[in-house]
Amino acid sequence: MEMRIVVPEAADASALAARLANAFGSERISCGEHREIDVRIDGENDPAVVRVVDAVEQWFGQARVGTVEMWLGERSYRLAQWVPF
């Protein structure tokens, strides 16, 4: 199963991809077109799902973006945080 992260235009997708590659190994990470990063996981119950969300939340603070769209299989989720102007 793949977990897909769609990064906003204003953010650096390569920084998030590098963070995820360090955490999960580069063989489980691929960068798609249109600022998409795919993470291969074993299934919805894989503990890696929580670790991916944690890594994205940590990256959020550094990237200073408001939202990130995440897909787990066919389900879409949006992570959001308050960003000062």
PDB file of N, CA and C in Angstrom:
ATOM      1  N   MET A   1       0.846  -1.168   0.000  1.00  0.00           N
ATOM      2  CA  MET A   1       0.000   0.000   0.000  1.00  0.00           C
ATOM      3  C   MET A   1       0.895   1.235   0.000  1.00  0.00           C
ATOM      4  N   GLU A   2       0.412   2.293  -0.631  1.00  0.00           N
ATOM      5  CA  GLU A   2       1.181   3.532  -0.644  1.00  0.00           C
ATOM      6  C   GLU A   2       0.465   4.614   0.149  1.00  0.00           C
ATOM      7  N   MET A   3       1.269   5.420   0.779  1.00  0.00           N
ATOM      8  CA  MET A   3       0.799   6.625   1.439  1.00  0.00           C
ATOM      9  C   MET A   3       1.374   7.776   0.632  1.00  0.00           C
ATOM     10  N   ARG A   4       0.514   8.639   0.120  1.00  0.00           N
ATOM     11  CA  ARG A   4       0.957   9.732  -0.750  1.00  0.00           C
ATOM     12  C   ARG A   4       0.795  11.060  -0.025  1.00  0.00           C
ATOM     13  N   ILE A   5       1.802  11.899  -0.126  1.00  0.00           N
ATOM     14  CA  ILE A   5       1.791  13.225   0.486  1.00  0.00           C
ATOM     15  C   ILE A   5       1.910  14.237  -0.640  1.00  0.00           C
ATOM     16  N   VAL A   6       0.949  15.154  -0.723  1.00  0.00           N
ATOM     17  CA  VAL A   6       0.962  16.201  -1.744  1.00  0.00           C
ATOM     18  C   VAL A   6       1.384  17.490  -1.048  1.00  0.00           C
ATOM     19  N   VAL A   7       2.533  18.006  -1.453  1.00  0.00           N
ATOM     20  CA  VAL A   7       3.148  19.168  -0.805  1.00  0.00           C
ATOM     21  C   VAL A   7       2.705  20.453  -1.511  1.00  0.00           C
ATOM     22  N   PRO A   8       2.325  21.494  -0.769  1.00  0.00           N
ATOM     23  CA  PRO A   8       1.931  22.759  -1.402  1.00  0.00           C
ATOM     24  C   PRO A   8       3.075  23.368  -2.206  1.00  0.00           C
ATOM     25  N   GLU A   9       2.718  24.205  -3.178  1.00  0.00           N
ATOM     26  CA  GLU A   9       3.718  24.829  -4.057  1.00  0.00           C
ATOM     27  C   GLU A   9       4.783  25.605  -3.289  1.00  0.00           C
ATOM     28  N   ALA A  10       4.379  26.265  -2.227  1.00  0.00           N
ATOM     29  CA  ALA A  10       5.306  27.129  -1.493  1.00  0.00           C
ATOM     30  C   ALA A  10       6.331  26.338  -0.683  1.00  0.00           C
ATOM     31  N   ALA A  11       6.184  25.039  -0.604  1.00  0.00           N
ATOM     32  CA  ALA A  11       7.051  24.228   0.256  1.00  0.00           C
ATOM     33  C   ALA A  11       8.097  23.477  -0.566  1.00  0.00           C
ATOM     34  N   ASP A  12       9.121  23.009   0.117  1.00  0.00           N
ATOM     35  CA  ASP A  12      10.204  22.256  -0.495  1.00  0.00           C
ATOM     36  C   ASP A  12       9.938  20.760  -0.312  1.00  0.00           C
ATOM     37  N   ALA A  13       9.432  20.127  -1.361  1.00  0.00           N
ATOM     38  CA  ALA A  13       9.116  18.700  -1.287  1.00  0.00           C
ATOM     39  C   ALA A  13      10.365  17.860  -1.072  1.00  0.00           C
ATOM     40  N   SER A  14      11.502  18.299  -1.592  1.00  0.00           N
ATOM     41  CA  SER A  14      12.721  17.509  -1.459  1.00  0.00           C
ATOM     42  C   SER A  14      13.169  17.412   0.005  1.00  0.00           C
ATOM     43  N   ALA A  15      12.924  18.455   0.798  1.00  0.00           N
ATOM     44  CA  ALA A  15      13.291  18.412   2.222  1.00  0.00           C
ATOM     45  C   ALA A  15      12.449  17.371   2.959  1.00  0.00           C
ATOM     46  N   LEU A  16      11.161  17.302   2.634  1.00  0.00           N
ATOM     47  CA  LEU A  16      10.307  16.292   3.271  1.00  0.00           C
ATOM     48  C   LEU A  16      10.687  14.899   2.785  1.00  0.00           C
ATOM     49  N   ALA A  17      10.976  14.748   1.495  1.00  0.00           N
ATOM     50  CA  ALA A  17      11.383  13.441   0.963  1.00  0.00           C
ATOM     51  C   ALA A  17      12.665  12.959   1.636  1.00  0.00           C
ATOM     52  N   ALA A  18      13.611  13.861   1.861  1.00  0.00           N
ATOM     53  CA  ALA A  18      14.862  13.489   2.527  1.00  0.00           C
ATOM     54  C   ALA A  18      14.606  13.066   3.962  1.00  0.00           C
ATOM     55  N   ARG A  19      13.727  13.785   4.658  1.00  0.00           N
ATOM     56  CA  ARG A  19      13.383  13.428   6.041  1.00  0.00           C
ATOM     57  C   ARG A  19      12.747  12.040   6.096  1.00  0.00           C
ATOM     58  N   LEU A  20      11.835  11.765   5.173  1.00  0.00           N
ATOM     59  CA  LEU A  20      11.170  10.461   5.137  1.00  0.00           C
ATOM     60  C   LEU A  20      12.146   9.354   4.738  1.00  0.00           C
ATOM     61  N   ALA A  21      13.053   9.633   3.805  1.00  0.00           N
ATOM     62  CA  ALA A  21      14.054   8.635   3.401  1.00  0.00           C
ATOM     63  C   ALA A  21      14.966   8.285   4.563  1.00  0.00           C
ATOM     64  N   ASN A  22      15.325   9.275   5.372  1.00  0.00           N
ATOM     65  CA  ASN A  22      16.153   9.004   6.559  1.00  0.00           C
ATOM     66  C   ASN A  22      15.416   8.131   7.557  1.00  0.00           C
ATOM     67  N   ALA A  23      14.120   8.341   7.688  1.00  0.00           N
ATOM     68  CA  ALA A  23      13.332   7.593   8.668  1.00  0.00           C
ATOM     69  C   ALA A  23      12.955   6.192   8.196  1.00  0.00           C
ATOM     70  N   PHE A  24      12.696   6.025   6.889  1.00  0.00           N
ATOM     71  CA  PHE A  24      12.160   4.757   6.394  1.00  0.00           C
ATOM     72  C   PHE A  24      13.057   4.038   5.398  1.00  0.00           C
ATOM     73  N   GLY A  25      14.104   4.702   4.921  1.00  0.00           N
ATOM     74  CA  GLY A  25      14.966   4.125   3.898  1.00  0.00           C
ATOM     75  C   GLY A  25      14.542   4.603   2.526  1.00  0.00           C
ATOM     76  N   SER A  26      15.501   4.924   1.709  1.00  0.00           N
ATOM     77  CA  SER A  26      15.204   5.498   0.395  1.00  0.00           C
ATOM     78  C   SER A  26      14.454   4.529  -0.519  1.00  0.00           C
ATOM     79  N   GLU A  27      14.562   3.224  -0.260  1.00  0.00           N
ATOM     80  CA  GLU A  27      13.865   2.253  -1.105  1.00  0.00           C
ATOM     81  C   GLU A  27      12.348   2.293  -0.923  1.00  0.00           C
ATOM     82  N   ARG A  28      11.873   2.887   0.171  1.00  0.00           N
ATOM     83  CA  ARG A  28      10.423   2.977   0.430  1.00  0.00           C
ATOM     84  C   ARG A  28       9.844   4.331   0.034  1.00  0.00           C
ATOM     85  N   ILE A  29      10.691   5.255  -0.439  1.00  0.00           N
ATOM     86  CA  ILE A  29      10.264   6.617  -0.752  1.00  0.00           C
ATOM     87  C   ILE A  29      10.450   6.887  -2.240  1.00  0.00           C
ATOM     88  N   SER A  30       9.468   7.513  -2.861  1.00  0.00           N
ATOM     89  CA  SER A  30       9.627   7.965  -4.248  1.00  0.00           C
ATOM     90  C   SER A  30       8.951   9.323  -4.383  1.00  0.00           C
ATOM     91  N   CYS A  31       9.542  10.156  -5.215  1.00  0.00           N
ATOM     92  CA  CYS A  31       8.997  11.485  -5.470  1.00  0.00           C
ATOM     93  C   CYS A  31       8.308  11.456  -6.819  1.00  0.00           C
ATOM     94  N   GLY A  32       7.014  11.725  -6.793  1.00  0.00           N
ATOM     95  CA  GLY A  32       6.251  11.756  -8.034  1.00  0.00           C
ATOM     96  C   GLY A  32       6.185  13.156  -8.605  1.00  0.00           C
ATOM     97  N   GLU A  33       5.399  13.292  -9.646  1.00  0.00           N
ATOM     98  CA  GLU A  33       5.204  14.595 -10.264  1.00  0.00           C
ATOM     99  C   GLU A  33       4.291  15.452  -9.396  1.00  0.00           C
ATOM    100  N   HIS A  34       4.313  16.731  -9.649  1.00  0.00           N
ATOM    101  CA  HIS A  34       3.407  17.674  -8.981  1.00  0.00           C
ATOM    102  C   HIS A  34       3.569  17.670  -7.468  1.00  0.00           C
ATOM    103  N   ARG A  35       4.821  17.624  -6.990  1.00  0.00           N
ATOM    104  CA  ARG A  35       5.123  17.737  -5.568  1.00  0.00           C
ATOM    105  C   ARG A  35       4.512  16.602  -4.739  1.00  0.00           C
ATOM    106  N   GLU A  36       4.508  15.407  -5.256  1.00  0.00           N
ATOM    107  CA  GLU A  36       3.972  14.257  -4.534  1.00  0.00           C
ATOM    108  C   GLU A  36       5.106  13.362  -4.053  1.00  0.00           C
ATOM    109  N   ILE A  37       4.958  12.873  -2.831  1.00  0.00           N
ATOM    110  CA  ILE A  37       5.919  11.935  -2.260  1.00  0.00           C
ATOM    111  C   ILE A  37       5.140  10.685  -1.872  1.00  0.00           C
ATOM    112  N   ASP A  38       5.613   9.531  -2.309  1.00  0.00           N
ATOM    113  CA  ASP A  38       4.975   8.257  -1.987  1.00  0.00           C
ATOM    114  C   ASP A  38       5.839   7.494  -0.998  1.00  0.00           C
ATOM    115  N   VAL A  39       5.173   6.918  -0.001  1.00  0.00           N
ATOM    116  CA  VAL A  39       5.835   6.081   0.995  1.00  0.00           C
ATOM    117  C   VAL A  39       5.167   4.714   0.943  1.00  0.00           C
ATOM    118  N   ARG A  40       5.934   3.660   0.690  1.00  0.00           N
ATOM    119  CA  ARG A  40       5.385   2.310   0.682  1.00  0.00           C
ATOM    120  C   ARG A  40       5.294   1.791   2.113  1.00  0.00           C
ATOM    121  N   ILE A  41       4.091   1.360   2.480  1.00  0.00           N
ATOM    122  CA  ILE A  41       3.861   0.808   3.820  1.00  0.00           C
ATOM    123  C   ILE A  41       3.200  -0.551   3.667  1.00  0.00           C
ATOM    124  N   ASP A  42       3.190  -1.326   4.751  1.00  0.00           N
ATOM    125  CA  ASP A  42       2.657  -2.681   4.688  1.00  0.00           C
ATOM    126  C   ASP A  42       1.135  -2.733   4.675  1.00  0.00           C
ATOM    127  N   GLY A  43       0.468  -1.740   5.218  1.00  0.00           N
ATOM    128  CA  GLY A  43      -0.993  -1.707   5.256  1.00  0.00           C
ATOM    129  C   GLY A  43      -1.465  -0.626   6.200  1.00  0.00           C
ATOM    130  N   GLU A  44      -2.786  -0.469   6.314  1.00  0.00           N
ATOM    131  CA  GLU A  44      -3.347   0.588   7.149  1.00  0.00           C
ATOM    132  C   GLU A  44      -2.971   0.434   8.619  1.00  0.00           C
ATOM    133  N   ASN A  45      -2.679  -0.774   9.050  1.00  0.00           N
ATOM    134  CA  ASN A  45      -2.342  -1.009  10.454  1.00  0.00           C
ATOM    135  C   ASN A  45      -0.839  -0.959  10.720  1.00  0.00           C
ATOM    136  N   ASP A  46      -0.058  -0.651   9.704  1.00  0.00           N
ATOM    137  CA  ASP A  46       1.392  -0.556   9.848  1.00  0.00           C
ATOM    138  C   ASP A  46       1.727   0.634  10.757  1.00  0.00           C
ATOM    139  N   PRO A  47       2.546   0.448  11.786  1.00  0.00           N
ATOM    140  CA  PRO A  47       2.949   1.560  12.649  1.00  0.00           C
ATOM    141  C   PRO A  47       3.652   2.677  11.885  1.00  0.00           C
ATOM    142  N   ALA A  48       4.128   2.383  10.678  1.00  0.00           N
ATOM    143  CA  ALA A  48       4.789   3.407   9.867  1.00  0.00           C
ATOM    144  C   ALA A  48       3.837   4.540   9.517  1.00  0.00           C
ATOM    145  N   VAL A  49       2.536   4.268   9.453  1.00  0.00           N
ATOM    146  CA  VAL A  49       1.565   5.320   9.136  1.00  0.00           C
ATOM    147  C   VAL A  49       1.681   6.452  10.150  1.00  0.00           C
ATOM    148  N   VAL A  50       1.722   6.122  11.417  1.00  0.00           N
ATOM    149  CA  VAL A  50       1.839   7.136  12.467  1.00  0.00           C
ATOM    150  C   VAL A  50       3.192   7.837  12.375  1.00  0.00           C
ATOM    151  N   ARG A  51       4.234   7.091  12.066  1.00  0.00           N
ATOM    152  CA  ARG A  51       5.567   7.692  11.946  1.00  0.00           C
ATOM    153  C   ARG A  51       5.630   8.661  10.768  1.00  0.00           C
ATOM    154  N   VAL A  52       4.943   8.348   9.666  1.00  0.00           N
ATOM    155  CA  VAL A  52       4.900   9.263   8.520  1.00  0.00           C
ATOM    156  C   VAL A  52       4.179  10.549   8.920  1.00  0.00           C
ATOM    157  N   VAL A  53       3.039  10.425   9.582  1.00  0.00           N
ATOM    158  CA  VAL A  53       2.288  11.610  10.025  1.00  0.00           C
ATOM    159  C   VAL A  53       3.146  12.445  10.964  1.00  0.00           C
ATOM    160  N   ASP A  54       3.851  11.818  11.891  1.00  0.00           N
ATOM    161  CA  ASP A  54       4.744  12.550  12.800  1.00  0.00           C
ATOM    162  C   ASP A  54       5.831  13.295  12.032  1.00  0.00           C
ATOM    163  N   ALA A  55       6.434  12.649  11.046  1.00  0.00           N
ATOM    164  CA  ALA A  55       7.497  13.287  10.261  1.00  0.00           C
ATOM    165  C   ALA A  55       6.950  14.483   9.486  1.00  0.00           C
ATOM    166  N   VAL A  56       5.746  14.341   8.935  1.00  0.00           N
ATOM    167  CA  VAL A  56       5.140  15.451   8.198  1.00  0.00           C
ATOM    168  C   VAL A  56       4.831  16.609   9.145  1.00  0.00           C
ATOM    169  N   GLU A  57       4.337  16.314  10.336  1.00  0.00           N
ATOM    170  CA  GLU A  57       4.051  17.371  11.315  1.00  0.00           C
ATOM    171  C   GLU A  57       5.323  18.107  11.716  1.00  0.00           C
ATOM    172  N   GLN A  58       6.414  17.396  11.912  1.00  0.00           N
ATOM    173  CA  GLN A  58       7.684  18.048  12.246  1.00  0.00           C
ATOM    174  C   GLN A  58       8.167  18.916  11.095  1.00  0.00           C
ATOM    175  N   TRP A  59       8.018  18.429   9.876  1.00  0.00           N
ATOM    176  CA  TRP A  59       8.406  19.180   8.699  1.00  0.00           C
ATOM    177  C   TRP A  59       7.556  20.444   8.542  1.00  0.00           C
ATOM    178  N   PHE A  60       6.268  20.334   8.901  1.00  0.00           N
ATOM    179  CA  PHE A  60       5.336  21.461   8.860  1.00  0.00           C
ATOM    180  C   PHE A  60       5.935  22.711   9.507  1.00  0.00           C
ATOM    181  N   GLY A  61       6.464  22.538  10.706  1.00  0.00           N
ATOM    182  CA  GLY A  61       7.009  23.666  11.451  1.00  0.00           C
ATOM    183  C   GLY A  61       8.152  24.350  10.734  1.00  0.00           C
ATOM    184  N   GLN A  62       8.960  23.590  10.060  1.00  0.00           N
ATOM    185  CA  GLN A  62      10.106  24.148   9.346  1.00  0.00           C
ATOM    186  C   GLN A  62       9.706  24.729   7.991  1.00  0.00           C
ATOM    187  N   ALA A  63       8.747  24.111   7.329  1.00  0.00           N
ATOM    188  CA  ALA A  63       8.353  24.537   5.986  1.00  0.00           C
ATOM    189  C   ALA A  63       7.418  25.742   6.007  1.00  0.00           C
ATOM    190  N   ARG A  64       6.778  25.972   7.138  1.00  0.00           N
ATOM    191  CA  ARG A  64       5.856  27.098   7.299  1.00  0.00           C
ATOM    192  C   ARG A  64       4.744  27.088   6.257  1.00  0.00           C
ATOM    193  N   VAL A  65       4.122  25.919   6.087  1.00  0.00           N
ATOM    194  CA  VAL A  65       2.960  25.791   5.214  1.00  0.00           C
ATOM    195  C   VAL A  65       1.733  25.537   6.074  1.00  0.00           C
ATOM    196  N   GLY A  66       0.562  25.842   5.546  1.00  0.00           N
ATOM    197  CA  GLY A  66      -0.670  25.706   6.316  1.00  0.00           C
ATOM    198  C   GLY A  66      -1.321  24.346   6.228  1.00  0.00           C
ATOM    199  N   THR A  67      -1.258  23.700   5.048  1.00  0.00           N
ATOM    200  CA  THR A  67      -1.924  22.405   4.883  1.00  0.00           C
ATOM    201  C   THR A  67      -1.076  21.470   4.021  1.00  0.00           C
ATOM    202  N   VAL A  68      -1.297  20.194   4.235  1.00  0.00           N
ATOM    203  CA  VAL A  68      -0.704  19.144   3.411  1.00  0.00           C
ATOM    204  C   VAL A  68      -1.787  18.096   3.205  1.00  0.00           C
ATOM    205  N   GLU A  69      -1.928  17.644   1.980  1.00  0.00           N
ATOM    206  CA  GLU A  69      -2.894  16.598   1.674  1.00  0.00           C
ATOM    207  C   GLU A  69      -2.177  15.250   1.732  1.00  0.00           C
ATOM    208  N   MET A  70      -2.792  14.289   2.422  1.00  0.00           N
ATOM    209  CA  MET A  70      -2.209  12.953   2.531  1.00  0.00           C
ATOM    210  C   MET A  70      -3.243  11.935   2.072  1.00  0.00           C
ATOM    211  N   TRP A  71      -2.770  10.924   1.383  1.00  0.00           N
ATOM    212  CA  TRP A  71      -3.629   9.838   0.922  1.00  0.00           C
ATOM    213  C   TRP A  71      -3.125   8.531   1.516  1.00  0.00           C
ATOM    214  N   LEU A  72      -4.031   7.747   2.030  1.00  0.00           N
ATOM    215  CA  LEU A  72      -3.734   6.395   2.509  1.00  0.00           C
ATOM    216  C   LEU A  72      -4.653   5.476   1.724  1.00  0.00           C
ATOM    217  N   GLY A  73      -4.080   4.801   0.733  1.00  0.00           N
ATOM    218  CA  GLY A  73      -4.917   4.019  -0.172  1.00  0.00           C
ATOM    219  C   GLY A  73      -5.843   4.957  -0.935  1.00  0.00           C
ATOM    220  N   GLU A  74      -7.137   4.735  -0.826  1.00  0.00           N
ATOM    221  CA  GLU A  74      -8.137   5.548  -1.514  1.00  0.00           C
ATOM    222  C   GLU A  74      -8.678   6.689  -0.654  1.00  0.00           C
ATOM    223  N   ARG A  75      -8.220   6.800   0.577  1.00  0.00           N
ATOM    224  CA  ARG A  75      -8.743   7.827   1.498  1.00  0.00           C
ATOM    225  C   ARG A  75      -7.832   9.041   1.530  1.00  0.00           C
ATOM    226  N   SER A  76      -8.463  10.204   1.526  1.00  0.00           N
ATOM    227  CA  SER A  76      -7.728  11.460   1.550  1.00  0.00           C
ATOM    228  C   SER A  76      -7.869  12.113   2.923  1.00  0.00           C
ATOM    229  N   TYR A  77      -6.772  12.675   3.422  1.00  0.00           N
ATOM    230  CA  TYR A  77      -6.750  13.383   4.704  1.00  0.00           C
ATOM    231  C   TYR A  77      -6.022  14.706   4.495  1.00  0.00           C
ATOM    232  N   ARG A  78      -6.408  15.711   5.243  1.00  0.00           N
ATOM    233  CA  ARG A  78      -5.733  17.001   5.159  1.00  0.00           C
ATOM    234  C   ARG A  78      -5.222  17.352   6.549  1.00  0.00           C
ATOM    235  N   LEU A  79      -3.910  17.575   6.643  1.00  0.00           N
ATOM    236  CA  LEU A  79      -3.310  18.053   7.876  1.00  0.00           C
ATOM    237  C   LEU A  79      -3.202  19.562   7.777  1.00  0.00           C
ATOM    238  N   ALA A  80      -3.562  20.250   8.840  1.00  0.00           N
ATOM    239  CA  ALA A  80      -3.518  21.713   8.827  1.00  0.00           C
ATOM    240  C   ALA A  80      -2.940  22.219  10.130  1.00  0.00           C
ATOM    241  N   GLN A  81      -2.329  23.393  10.033  1.00  0.00           N
ATOM    242  CA  GLN A  81      -1.829  24.059  11.225  1.00  0.00           C
ATOM    243  C   GLN A  81      -1.922  25.555  11.019  1.00  0.00           C
ATOM    244  N   TRP A  82      -1.926  26.273  12.086  1.00  0.00           N
ATOM    245  CA  TRP A  82      -1.972  27.721  12.021  1.00  0.00           C
ATOM    246  C   TRP A  82      -0.586  28.232  11.652  1.00  0.00           C
ATOM    247  N   VAL A  83      -0.535  29.125  10.682  1.00  0.00           N
ATOM    248  CA  VAL A  83       0.731  29.726  10.252  1.00  0.00           C
ATOM    249  C   VAL A  83       0.599  31.236  10.373  1.00  0.00           C
ATOM    250  N   PRO A  84       1.479  31.895  11.147  1.00  0.00           N
ATOM    251  CA  PRO A  84       1.377  33.353  11.273  1.00  0.00           C
ATOM    252  C   PRO A  84       1.741  34.039   9.950  1.00  0.00           C
ATOM    253  N   PHE A  85       1.120  35.178   9.715  1.00  0.00           N
ATOM    254  CA  PHE A  85       1.414  35.951   8.492  1.00  0.00           C
ATOM    255  C   PHE A  85       2.621  36.790   8.674  1.00  0.00           C
TER     256      PHE A  85
END
